[in-house]
């Protein structure tokens, strides 16, 4: 047991040190549509923000709500990066109180359908119920997971404010490589399928030959379909693995589409670097130290 303690103690300390070196910013924008001003940028309430940088942040994160003539709402977030951050930079969305690990939810898709096969309605996996068909047309992709896909849209760059330059981001290679082989282009005829109910805003007139989603290349969909083990989770949206993020003030525009009121949780924008085991999470290091302490007693 003493040997275990001697091994686990330095590992735990190393993991904690690595986690503390991660720089990150989290802004809970769940209430941007009701609390942010439409006239000017105002400070985001402190309880909705959290950040860790090498240098001190001088200005608080701010937000503003923009709405166009069609009623589309965009949450505009401005925040300071007080020091240069070397590559790589990752943008995640964070959801809380969303149980992707529920047994029925996890199974709610059809394996053959996402492999591209044009499965007939009678042969469609019953796990997709009640989202197998609408008006005798097959729902594609069927099931609860696809229907509940996160659909807030992040701008593909951090726009520089004042004298700060723009910082480019990409949504390429955000999914696991194994998932890019798991999802295939569908062989369905467009006349035989309809979008999931919650996708109707994106496809108000249904599918056409020009707009049917190609889930083989749609990495945001692939990321969402890999279900999370816990009700609080992060999913990768964008990244930049080639460029240093210079210090300055930046703006991220988020088109608001995802209704958190349906599950009583929250949604957040997260900018972060990665440590040895991912983001700023000290739980594993603390666990190692606890085990080491118990073994030493």
C-alpha atoms as a PDB file:
ATOM      1  CA  UNK A   1       0.000   0.000   0.000  1.00  0.00           C
ATOM      2  CA  UNK A   2       2.887   2.355   0.721  1.00  0.00           C
ATOM      3  CA  UNK A   3       4.170   1.649  -2.795  1.00  0.00           C
ATOM      4  CA  UNK A   4       0.772   2.579  -4.251  1.00  0.00           C
ATOM      5  CA  UNK A   5       0.812   5.819  -2.257  1.00  0.00           C
ATOM      6  CA  UNK A   6       4.312   6.624  -3.529  1.00  0.00           C
ATOM      7  CA  UNK A   7       3.189   6.074  -7.130  1.00  0.00           C
ATOM      8  CA  UNK A   8      -0.177   7.828  -6.929  1.00  0.00           C
ATOM      9  CA  UNK A   9       1.027  10.943  -5.098  1.00  0.00           C
ATOM     10  CA  UNK A  10       3.297  12.331  -7.854  1.00  0.00           C
ATOM     11  CA  UNK A  11       0.749  11.351 -10.506  1.00  0.00           C
ATOM     12  CA  UNK A  12      -1.983  13.240  -8.661  1.00  0.00           C
ATOM     13  CA  UNK A  13       0.210  16.295  -8.180  1.00  0.00           C
ATOM     14  CA  UNK A  14       1.226  16.222 -11.839  1.00  0.00           C
ATOM     15  CA  UNK A  15      -2.382  16.048 -13.013  1.00  0.00           C
ATOM     16  CA  UNK A  16      -3.388  18.970 -10.804  1.00  0.00           C
ATOM     17  CA  UNK A  17      -0.438  21.089 -11.975  1.00  0.00           C
ATOM     18  CA  UNK A  18      -1.292  20.300 -15.599  1.00  0.00           C
ATOM     19  CA  UNK A  19      -4.936  21.266 -15.039  1.00  0.00           C
ATOM     20  CA  UNK A  20      -4.007  24.590 -13.429  1.00  0.00           C
ATOM     21  CA  UNK A  21      -2.031  25.543 -16.547  1.00  0.00           C
ATOM     22  CA  UNK A  22      -5.148  25.318 -18.711  1.00  0.00           C
ATOM     23  CA  UNK A  23      -6.491  28.759 -19.643  1.00  0.00           C
ATOM     24  CA  UNK A  24     -10.205  29.033 -20.243  1.00  0.00           C
ATOM     25  CA  UNK A  25     -13.262  31.257 -20.381  1.00  0.00           C
ATOM     26  CA  UNK A  26     -16.865  30.173 -19.819  1.00  0.00           C
ATOM     27  CA  UNK A  27     -19.885  32.405 -20.445  1.00  0.00           C
ATOM     28  CA  UNK A  28     -23.351  31.082 -19.660  1.00  0.00           C
ATOM     29  CA  UNK A  29     -25.484  32.790 -22.309  1.00  0.00           C
ATOM     30  CA  UNK A  30     -28.739  30.972 -21.479  1.00  0.00           C
ATOM     31  CA  UNK A  31     -30.523  34.231 -20.622  1.00  0.00           C
ATOM     32  CA  UNK A  32     -28.978  36.445 -23.276  1.00  0.00           C
ATOM     33  CA  UNK A  33     -32.332  36.752 -25.048  1.00  0.00           C
ATOM     34  CA  UNK A  34     -34.050  38.100 -21.911  1.00  0.00           C
ATOM     35  CA  UNK A  35     -31.332  39.914 -19.938  1.00  0.00           C
ATOM     36  CA  UNK A  36     -28.963  41.381 -22.532  1.00  0.00           C
ATOM     37  CA  UNK A  37     -29.627  44.876 -23.868  1.00  0.00           C
ATOM     38  CA  UNK A  38     -30.522  45.400 -27.510  1.00  0.00           C
ATOM     39  CA  UNK A  39     -29.050  48.907 -27.503  1.00  0.00           C
ATOM     40  CA  UNK A  40     -25.528  48.512 -26.135  1.00  0.00           C
ATOM     41  CA  UNK A  41     -23.081  46.034 -24.657  1.00  0.00           C
ATOM     42  CA  UNK A  42     -23.535  45.530 -20.910  1.00  0.00           C
ATOM     43  CA  UNK A  43     -21.635  43.415 -18.392  1.00  0.00           C
ATOM     44  CA  UNK A  44     -22.619  39.771 -18.213  1.00  0.00           C
ATOM     45  CA  UNK A  45     -23.671  39.062 -14.589  1.00  0.00           C
ATOM     46  CA  UNK A  46     -20.732  37.650 -12.660  1.00  0.00           C
ATOM     47  CA  UNK A  47     -22.578  34.428 -11.831  1.00  0.00           C
ATOM     48  CA  UNK A  48     -22.671  33.610 -15.549  1.00  0.00           C
ATOM     49  CA  UNK A  49     -18.912  33.927 -16.155  1.00  0.00           C
ATOM     50  CA  UNK A  50     -15.767  32.084 -15.150  1.00  0.00           C
ATOM     51  CA  UNK A  51     -12.241  32.471 -16.474  1.00  0.00           C
ATOM     52  CA  UNK A  52      -8.640  31.506 -15.788  1.00  0.00           C
ATOM     53  CA  UNK A  53      -5.805  33.282 -17.608  1.00  0.00           C
ATOM     54  CA  UNK A  54      -2.127  33.885 -16.861  1.00  0.00           C
ATOM     55  CA  UNK A  55      -2.669  37.637 -16.677  1.00  0.00           C
ATOM     56  CA  UNK A  56      -5.371  39.590 -14.887  1.00  0.00           C
ATOM     57  CA  UNK A  57      -8.561  40.364 -16.812  1.00  0.00           C
ATOM     58  CA  UNK A  58      -9.174  44.121 -16.723  1.00  0.00           C
ATOM     59  CA  UNK A  59     -12.613  44.255 -18.366  1.00  0.00           C
ATOM     60  CA  UNK A  60     -15.608  42.027 -17.657  1.00  0.00           C
ATOM     61  CA  UNK A  61     -17.260  39.961 -20.412  1.00  0.00           C
ATOM     62  CA  UNK A  62     -20.189  41.775 -22.019  1.00  0.00           C
ATOM     63  CA  UNK A  63     -23.183  40.830 -24.113  1.00  0.00           C
ATOM     64  CA  UNK A  64     -25.759  42.354 -26.421  1.00  0.00           C
ATOM     65  CA  UNK A  65     -28.806  40.944 -28.172  1.00  0.00           C
ATOM     66  CA  UNK A  66     -29.320  41.560 -31.882  1.00  0.00           C
ATOM     67  CA  UNK A  67     -32.532  40.752 -33.751  1.00  0.00           C
ATOM     68  CA  UNK A  68     -33.127  41.060 -37.490  1.00  0.00           C
ATOM     69  CA  UNK A  69     -36.357  41.679 -39.392  1.00  0.00           C
ATOM     70  CA  UNK A  70     -37.122  37.968 -39.636  1.00  0.00           C
ATOM     71  CA  UNK A  71     -36.973  37.617 -35.846  1.00  0.00           C
ATOM     72  CA  UNK A  72     -33.659  35.763 -35.790  1.00  0.00           C
ATOM     73  CA  UNK A  73     -31.861  36.502 -32.518  1.00  0.00           C
ATOM     74  CA  UNK A  74     -28.103  36.615 -32.078  1.00  0.00           C
ATOM     75  CA  UNK A  75     -26.245  36.833 -28.781  1.00  0.00           C
ATOM     76  CA  UNK A  76     -23.101  38.923 -29.209  1.00  0.00           C
ATOM     77  CA  UNK A  77     -20.451  38.162 -26.595  1.00  0.00           C
ATOM     78  CA  UNK A  78     -17.394  40.370 -26.069  1.00  0.00           C
ATOM     79  CA  UNK A  79     -14.539  39.302 -23.820  1.00  0.00           C
ATOM     80  CA  UNK A  80     -10.927  40.115 -23.073  1.00  0.00           C
ATOM     81  CA  UNK A  81      -8.025  37.723 -23.576  1.00  0.00           C
ATOM     82  CA  UNK A  82      -5.376  39.369 -21.350  1.00  0.00           C
ATOM     83  CA  UNK A  83      -2.349  37.481 -22.686  1.00  0.00           C
ATOM     84  CA  UNK A  84      -1.249  35.622 -25.784  1.00  0.00           C
ATOM     85  CA  UNK A  85      -2.324  31.983 -25.749  1.00  0.00           C
ATOM     86  CA  UNK A  86      -0.220  29.532 -27.721  1.00  0.00           C
ATOM     87  CA  UNK A  87      -1.946  26.955 -29.903  1.00  0.00           C
ATOM     88  CA  UNK A  88      -4.231  25.055 -29.627  1.00  0.00           C
ATOM     89  CA  UNK A  89      -7.527  26.877 -29.011  1.00  0.00           C
ATOM     90  CA  UNK A  90     -10.821  25.014 -28.676  1.00  0.00           C
ATOM     91  CA  UNK A  91     -14.399  26.293 -28.624  1.00  0.00           C
ATOM     92  CA  UNK A  92     -16.987  24.102 -26.905  1.00  0.00           C
ATOM     93  CA  UNK A  93     -20.627  24.415 -26.026  1.00  0.00           C
ATOM     94  CA  UNK A  94     -21.532  23.239 -22.546  1.00  0.00           C
ATOM     95  CA  UNK A  95     -24.966  21.946 -21.564  1.00  0.00           C
ATOM     96  CA  UNK A  96     -26.199  21.157 -18.067  1.00  0.00           C
ATOM     97  CA  UNK A  97     -29.116  19.063 -16.827  1.00  0.00           C
ATOM     98  CA  UNK A  98     -29.339  17.277 -20.185  1.00  0.00           C
ATOM     99  CA  UNK A  99     -29.474  13.513 -19.727  1.00  0.00           C
ATOM    100  CA  UNK A 100     -28.018  12.062 -22.908  1.00  0.00           C
ATOM    101  CA  UNK A 101     -27.216   8.950 -20.869  1.00  0.00           C
ATOM    102  CA  UNK A 102     -30.853   7.882 -20.421  1.00  0.00           C
ATOM    103  CA  UNK A 103     -31.204   4.294 -21.649  1.00  0.00           C
ATOM    104  CA  UNK A 104     -34.047   5.005 -24.049  1.00  0.00           C
ATOM    105  CA  UNK A 105     -32.340   8.111 -25.415  1.00  0.00           C
ATOM    106  CA  UNK A 106     -28.979   6.399 -26.010  1.00  0.00           C
ATOM    107  CA  UNK A 107     -30.625   3.680 -28.103  1.00  0.00           C
ATOM    108  CA  UNK A 108     -32.872   6.021 -30.091  1.00  0.00           C
ATOM    109  CA  UNK A 109     -31.386   5.759 -33.591  1.00  0.00           C
ATOM    110  CA  UNK A 110     -31.186   3.230 -36.404  1.00  0.00           C
ATOM    111  CA  UNK A 111     -27.711   1.845 -37.092  1.00  0.00           C
ATOM    112  CA  UNK A 112     -28.407   0.885 -40.700  1.00  0.00           C
ATOM    113  CA  UNK A 113     -29.988   4.254 -41.426  1.00  0.00           C
ATOM    114  CA  UNK A 114     -26.927   6.231 -40.323  1.00  0.00           C
ATOM    115  CA  UNK A 115     -24.774   3.826 -42.343  1.00  0.00           C
ATOM    116  CA  UNK A 116     -26.550   5.202 -45.402  1.00  0.00           C
ATOM    117  CA  UNK A 117     -28.972   2.366 -46.113  1.00  0.00           C
ATOM    118  CA  UNK A 118     -32.460   3.288 -47.328  1.00  0.00           C
ATOM    119  CA  UNK A 119     -34.299   1.317 -44.654  1.00  0.00           C
ATOM    120  CA  UNK A 120     -38.036   0.902 -45.186  1.00  0.00           C
ATOM    121  CA  UNK A 121     -40.392   2.143 -42.501  1.00  0.00           C
ATOM    122  CA  UNK A 122     -41.448  -1.354 -41.444  1.00  0.00           C
ATOM    123  CA  UNK A 123     -37.794  -2.316 -40.966  1.00  0.00           C
ATOM    124  CA  UNK A 124     -36.784   0.820 -39.074  1.00  0.00           C
ATOM    125  CA  UNK A 125     -35.539   0.190 -35.543  1.00  0.00           C
ATOM    126  CA  UNK A 126     -38.378   0.466 -33.025  1.00  0.00           C
ATOM    127  CA  UNK A 127     -35.972   2.339 -30.722  1.00  0.00           C
ATOM    128  CA  UNK A 128     -36.583   5.351 -32.958  1.00  0.00           C
ATOM    129  CA  UNK A 129     -40.193   5.563 -31.754  1.00  0.00           C
ATOM    130  CA  UNK A 130     -42.003   7.893 -31.494  1.00  0.00           C
ATOM    131  CA  UNK A 131     -39.863   9.604 -34.146  1.00  0.00           C
ATOM    132  CA  UNK A 132     -39.901   6.966 -36.876  1.00  0.00           C
ATOM    133  CA  UNK A 133     -42.329   8.587 -39.287  1.00  0.00           C
ATOM    134  CA  UNK A 134     -44.453  11.668 -39.928  1.00  0.00           C
ATOM    135  CA  UNK A 135     -47.446  11.430 -42.272  1.00  0.00           C
ATOM    136  CA  UNK A 136     -46.210   8.001 -43.404  1.00  0.00           C
ATOM    137  CA  UNK A 137     -42.823   9.415 -44.421  1.00  0.00           C
ATOM    138  CA  UNK A 138     -39.642   8.198 -42.758  1.00  0.00           C
ATOM    139  CA  UNK A 139     -37.959  10.588 -40.348  1.00  0.00           C
ATOM    140  CA  UNK A 140     -34.321  11.005 -41.353  1.00  0.00           C
ATOM    141  CA  UNK A 141     -32.365  10.741 -39.174  1.00  0.00           C
ATOM    142  CA  UNK A 142     -34.872   9.015 -36.903  1.00  0.00           C
ATOM    143  CA  UNK A 143     -34.906   8.985 -33.124  1.00  0.00           C
ATOM    144  CA  UNK A 144     -34.574  11.218 -30.094  1.00  0.00           C
ATOM    145  CA  UNK A 145     -30.839  11.918 -30.342  1.00  0.00           C
ATOM    146  CA  UNK A 146     -30.986  13.490 -33.789  1.00  0.00           C
ATOM    147  CA  UNK A 147     -34.195  15.371 -33.009  1.00  0.00           C
ATOM    148  CA  UNK A 148     -32.648  17.061 -29.960  1.00  0.00           C
ATOM    149  CA  UNK A 149     -29.422  18.111 -31.698  1.00  0.00           C
ATOM    150  CA  UNK A 150     -27.867  21.337 -30.420  1.00  0.00           C
ATOM    151  CA  UNK A 151     -28.478  23.972 -33.087  1.00  0.00           C
ATOM    152  CA  UNK A 152     -27.211  27.299 -31.768  1.00  0.00           C
ATOM    153  CA  UNK A 153     -24.722  28.541 -34.368  1.00  0.00           C
ATOM    154  CA  UNK A 154     -21.302  29.936 -33.428  1.00  0.00           C
ATOM    155  CA  UNK A 155     -19.581  32.309 -35.857  1.00  0.00           C
ATOM    156  CA  UNK A 156     -16.504  30.688 -37.398  1.00  0.00           C
ATOM    157  CA  UNK A 157     -14.144  33.353 -36.139  1.00  0.00           C
ATOM    158  CA  UNK A 158     -13.467  35.459 -33.088  1.00  0.00           C
ATOM    159  CA  UNK A 159     -14.004  38.968 -34.418  1.00  0.00           C
ATOM    160  CA  UNK A 160     -11.411  41.414 -33.153  1.00  0.00           C
ATOM    161  CA  UNK A 161     -12.719  44.515 -31.363  1.00  0.00           C
ATOM    162  CA  UNK A 162     -11.008  47.915 -31.676  1.00  0.00           C
ATOM    163  CA  UNK A 163      -7.393  47.223 -32.673  1.00  0.00           C
ATOM    164  CA  UNK A 164      -7.539  43.455 -32.264  1.00  0.00           C
ATOM    165  CA  UNK A 165      -7.403  41.327 -35.412  1.00  0.00           C
ATOM    166  CA  UNK A 166      -9.818  38.507 -36.236  1.00  0.00           C
ATOM    167  CA  UNK A 167      -8.950  34.973 -35.159  1.00  0.00           C
ATOM    168  CA  UNK A 168     -10.068  32.223 -37.517  1.00  0.00           C
ATOM    169  CA  UNK A 169     -11.702  28.980 -36.410  1.00  0.00           C
ATOM    170  CA  UNK A 170     -12.710  25.796 -38.196  1.00  0.00           C
ATOM    171  CA  UNK A 171     -15.265  23.038 -37.708  1.00  0.00           C
ATOM    172  CA  UNK A 172     -13.136  20.517 -39.604  1.00  0.00           C
ATOM    173  CA  UNK A 173     -11.879  17.468 -37.709  1.00  0.00           C
ATOM    174  CA  UNK A 174     -13.955  18.214 -34.618  1.00  0.00           C
ATOM    175  CA  UNK A 175     -15.487  14.725 -34.556  1.00  0.00           C
ATOM    176  CA  UNK A 176     -13.686  11.491 -33.773  1.00  0.00           C
ATOM    177  CA  UNK A 177     -12.123   9.864 -36.829  1.00  0.00           C
ATOM    178  CA  UNK A 178     -13.995   6.634 -36.078  1.00  0.00           C
ATOM    179  CA  UNK A 179     -17.286   8.539 -36.288  1.00  0.00           C
ATOM    180  CA  UNK A 180     -16.473   9.874 -39.743  1.00  0.00           C
ATOM    181  CA  UNK A 181     -16.514   6.250 -40.900  1.00  0.00           C
ATOM    182  CA  UNK A 182     -19.597   5.418 -38.857  1.00  0.00           C
ATOM    183  CA  UNK A 183     -21.884   7.884 -40.662  1.00  0.00           C
ATOM    184  CA  UNK A 184     -22.518   7.510 -44.393  1.00  0.00           C
ATOM    185  CA  UNK A 185     -24.307   9.501 -47.090  1.00  0.00           C
ATOM    186  CA  UNK A 186     -27.920   8.357 -47.329  1.00  0.00           C
ATOM    187  CA  UNK A 187     -29.352   6.437 -50.274  1.00  0.00           C
ATOM    188  CA  UNK A 188     -32.923   7.564 -49.543  1.00  0.00           C
ATOM    189  CA  UNK A 189     -34.960   9.318 -52.220  1.00  0.00           C
ATOM    190  CA  UNK A 190     -35.726  12.789 -50.944  1.00  0.00           C
ATOM    191  CA  UNK A 191     -39.454  12.225 -51.554  1.00  0.00           C
ATOM    192  CA  UNK A 192     -39.509   9.378 -49.018  1.00  0.00           C
ATOM    193  CA  UNK A 193     -38.138  11.220 -45.986  1.00  0.00           C
ATOM    194  CA  UNK A 194     -38.806  14.211 -43.745  1.00  0.00           C
ATOM    195  CA  UNK A 195     -36.623  16.047 -41.215  1.00  0.00           C
ATOM    196  CA  UNK A 196     -37.041  15.414 -37.476  1.00  0.00           C
ATOM    197  CA  UNK A 197     -39.671  17.763 -35.962  1.00  0.00           C
ATOM    198  CA  UNK A 198     -37.107  19.975 -34.217  1.00  0.00           C
ATOM    199  CA  UNK A 199     -35.272  20.516 -37.502  1.00  0.00           C
ATOM    200  CA  UNK A 200     -38.242  22.203 -39.165  1.00  0.00           C
ATOM    201  CA  UNK A 201     -36.804  25.681 -38.560  1.00  0.00           C
ATOM    202  CA  UNK A 202     -33.732  24.706 -40.576  1.00  0.00           C
ATOM    203  CA  UNK A 203     -35.831  22.907 -43.201  1.00  0.00           C
ATOM    204  CA  UNK A 204     -39.190  24.756 -43.254  1.00  0.00           C
ATOM    205  CA  UNK A 205     -40.126  23.252 -46.619  1.00  0.00           C
ATOM    206  CA  UNK A 206     -38.700  19.832 -45.904  1.00  0.00           C
ATOM    207  CA  UNK A 207     -35.848  18.172 -47.742  1.00  0.00           C
ATOM    208  CA  UNK A 208     -34.891  18.803 -51.351  1.00  0.00           C
ATOM    209  CA  UNK A 209     -32.146  17.363 -53.531  1.00  0.00           C
ATOM    210  CA  UNK A 210     -30.083  20.438 -52.683  1.00  0.00           C
ATOM    211  CA  UNK A 211     -30.435  20.595 -48.908  1.00  0.00           C
ATOM    212  CA  UNK A 212     -30.602  17.018 -47.645  1.00  0.00           C
ATOM    213  CA  UNK A 213     -27.891  16.727 -44.960  1.00  0.00           C
ATOM    214  CA  UNK A 214     -24.838  14.611 -45.683  1.00  0.00           C
ATOM    215  CA  UNK A 215     -24.118  13.100 -42.273  1.00  0.00           C
ATOM    216  CA  UNK A 216     -20.866  11.636 -43.620  1.00  0.00           C
ATOM    217  CA  UNK A 217     -19.345  15.130 -43.717  1.00  0.00           C
ATOM    218  CA  UNK A 218     -21.560  16.899 -41.147  1.00  0.00           C
ATOM    219  CA  UNK A 219     -19.219  16.758 -38.177  1.00  0.00           C
ATOM    220  CA  UNK A 220     -21.415  18.789 -35.811  1.00  0.00           C
ATOM    221  CA  UNK A 221     -24.017  16.041 -36.165  1.00  0.00           C
ATOM    222  CA  UNK A 222     -21.422  13.342 -35.544  1.00  0.00           C
ATOM    223  CA  UNK A 223     -20.254  15.126 -32.387  1.00  0.00           C
ATOM    224  CA  UNK A 224     -23.820  15.347 -31.074  1.00  0.00           C
ATOM    225  CA  UNK A 225     -24.599  11.700 -31.801  1.00  0.00           C
ATOM    226  CA  UNK A 226     -21.744  10.552 -29.540  1.00  0.00           C
ATOM    227  CA  UNK A 227     -23.803  10.682 -26.363  1.00  0.00           C
ATOM    228  CA  UNK A 228     -22.391  12.008 -23.088  1.00  0.00           C
ATOM    229  CA  UNK A 229     -22.145   9.962 -19.894  1.00  0.00           C
ATOM    230  CA  UNK A 230     -23.181  12.751 -17.518  1.00  0.00           C
ATOM    231  CA  UNK A 231     -25.892  15.462 -17.515  1.00  0.00           C
ATOM    232  CA  UNK A 232     -23.239  18.197 -17.628  1.00  0.00           C
ATOM    233  CA  UNK A 233     -21.098  17.890 -20.724  1.00  0.00           C
ATOM    234  CA  UNK A 234     -18.968  19.717 -23.270  1.00  0.00           C
ATOM    235  CA  UNK A 235     -19.009  19.168 -27.016  1.00  0.00           C
ATOM    236  CA  UNK A 236     -16.424  20.538 -29.423  1.00  0.00           C
ATOM    237  CA  UNK A 237     -17.740  23.112 -31.891  1.00  0.00           C
ATOM    238  CA  UNK A 238     -14.690  24.886 -33.356  1.00  0.00           C
ATOM    239  CA  UNK A 239     -10.928  24.973 -33.026  1.00  0.00           C
ATOM    240  CA  UNK A 240      -7.663  26.505 -34.196  1.00  0.00           C
ATOM    241  CA  UNK A 241      -4.633  24.269 -33.764  1.00  0.00           C
ATOM    242  CA  UNK A 242      -2.164  26.281 -35.826  1.00  0.00           C
ATOM    243  CA  UNK A 243      -2.166  29.877 -34.567  1.00  0.00           C
ATOM    244  CA  UNK A 244      -1.405  31.704 -31.333  1.00  0.00           C
ATOM    245  CA  UNK A 245      -4.393  33.659 -30.007  1.00  0.00           C
ATOM    246  CA  UNK A 246      -3.071  37.206 -29.418  1.00  0.00           C
ATOM    247  CA  UNK A 247      -4.162  39.202 -26.398  1.00  0.00           C
ATOM    248  CA  UNK A 248      -7.003  41.601 -27.084  1.00  0.00           C
ATOM    249  CA  UNK A 249     -10.773  41.906 -27.059  1.00  0.00           C
ATOM    250  CA  UNK A 250     -12.864  39.551 -29.166  1.00  0.00           C
ATOM    251  CA  UNK A 251     -16.488  39.037 -30.117  1.00  0.00           C
ATOM    252  CA  UNK A 252     -18.310  35.759 -30.665  1.00  0.00           C
ATOM    253  CA  UNK A 253     -21.750  35.866 -32.296  1.00  0.00           C
ATOM    254  CA  UNK A 254     -24.129  33.037 -31.427  1.00  0.00           C
ATOM    255  CA  UNK A 255     -27.374  32.575 -33.342  1.00  0.00           C
ATOM    256  CA  UNK A 256     -29.968  31.529 -30.764  1.00  0.00           C
ATOM    257  CA  UNK A 257     -32.039  28.501 -31.725  1.00  0.00           C
ATOM    258  CA  UNK A 258     -31.740  25.971 -28.911  1.00  0.00           C
ATOM    259  CA  UNK A 259     -34.541  26.111 -26.282  1.00  0.00           C
ATOM    260  CA  UNK A 260     -33.044  25.213 -22.909  1.00  0.00           C
ATOM    261  CA  UNK A 261     -36.445  25.630 -21.243  1.00  0.00           C
ATOM    262  CA  UNK A 262     -37.354  22.161 -22.519  1.00  0.00           C
ATOM    263  CA  UNK A 263     -34.871  20.496 -20.170  1.00  0.00           C
ATOM    264  CA  UNK A 264     -34.400  23.135 -17.484  1.00  0.00           C
ATOM    265  CA  UNK A 265     -30.653  23.382 -17.938  1.00  0.00           C
ATOM    266  CA  UNK A 266     -28.163  25.911 -19.237  1.00  0.00           C
ATOM    267  CA  UNK A 267     -25.974  26.488 -22.280  1.00  0.00           C
ATOM    268  CA  UNK A 268     -22.541  28.089 -22.248  1.00  0.00           C
ATOM    269  CA  UNK A 269     -19.812  29.239 -24.615  1.00  0.00           C
ATOM    270  CA  UNK A 270     -16.406  27.859 -23.639  1.00  0.00           C
ATOM    271  CA  UNK A 271     -12.993  28.917 -24.940  1.00  0.00           C
ATOM    272  CA  UNK A 272     -10.150  26.777 -23.647  1.00  0.00           C
ATOM    273  CA  UNK A 273      -6.723  25.291 -24.120  1.00  0.00           C
ATOM    274  CA  UNK A 274      -6.069  21.653 -23.283  1.00  0.00           C
ATOM    275  CA  UNK A 275      -3.834  20.072 -20.674  1.00  0.00           C
ATOM    276  CA  UNK A 276      -2.478  16.544 -20.403  1.00  0.00           C
ATOM    277  CA  UNK A 277      -5.946  15.109 -19.764  1.00  0.00           C
ATOM    278  CA  UNK A 278      -8.083  17.706 -21.492  1.00  0.00           C
ATOM    279  CA  UNK A 279      -9.592  20.850 -19.983  1.00  0.00           C
ATOM    280  CA  UNK A 280      -9.346  22.450 -16.555  1.00  0.00           C
ATOM    281  CA  UNK A 281     -10.545  19.522 -14.471  1.00  0.00           C
ATOM    282  CA  UNK A 282      -8.739  18.691 -11.248  1.00  0.00           C
ATOM    283  CA  UNK A 283     -11.035  15.839 -10.208  1.00  0.00           C
ATOM    284  CA  UNK A 284      -8.777  13.044 -11.449  1.00  0.00           C
ATOM    285  CA  UNK A 285      -5.704  14.517  -9.762  1.00  0.00           C
ATOM    286  CA  UNK A 286      -7.576  14.947  -6.495  1.00  0.00           C
ATOM    287  CA  UNK A 287      -8.838  11.368  -6.748  1.00  0.00           C
ATOM    288  CA  UNK A 288      -5.279  10.074  -7.127  1.00  0.00           C
ATOM    289  CA  UNK A 289      -4.222  12.023  -4.021  1.00  0.00           C
ATOM    290  CA  UNK A 290      -7.186  10.704  -2.020  1.00  0.00           C
ATOM    291  CA  UNK A 291      -6.303   7.112  -2.931  1.00  0.00           C
ATOM    292  CA  UNK A 292      -2.655   7.799  -2.093  1.00  0.00           C
ATOM    293  CA  UNK A 293      -3.669   9.229   1.274  1.00  0.00           C
ATOM    294  CA  UNK A 294      -5.871   6.248   2.108  1.00  0.00           C
ATOM    295  CA  UNK A 295      -3.090   3.840   1.199  1.00  0.00           C
ATOM    296  CA  UNK A 296      -0.608   5.733   3.359  1.00  0.00           C
ATOM    297  CA  UNK A 297      -2.814   5.577   6.473  1.00  0.00           C
END
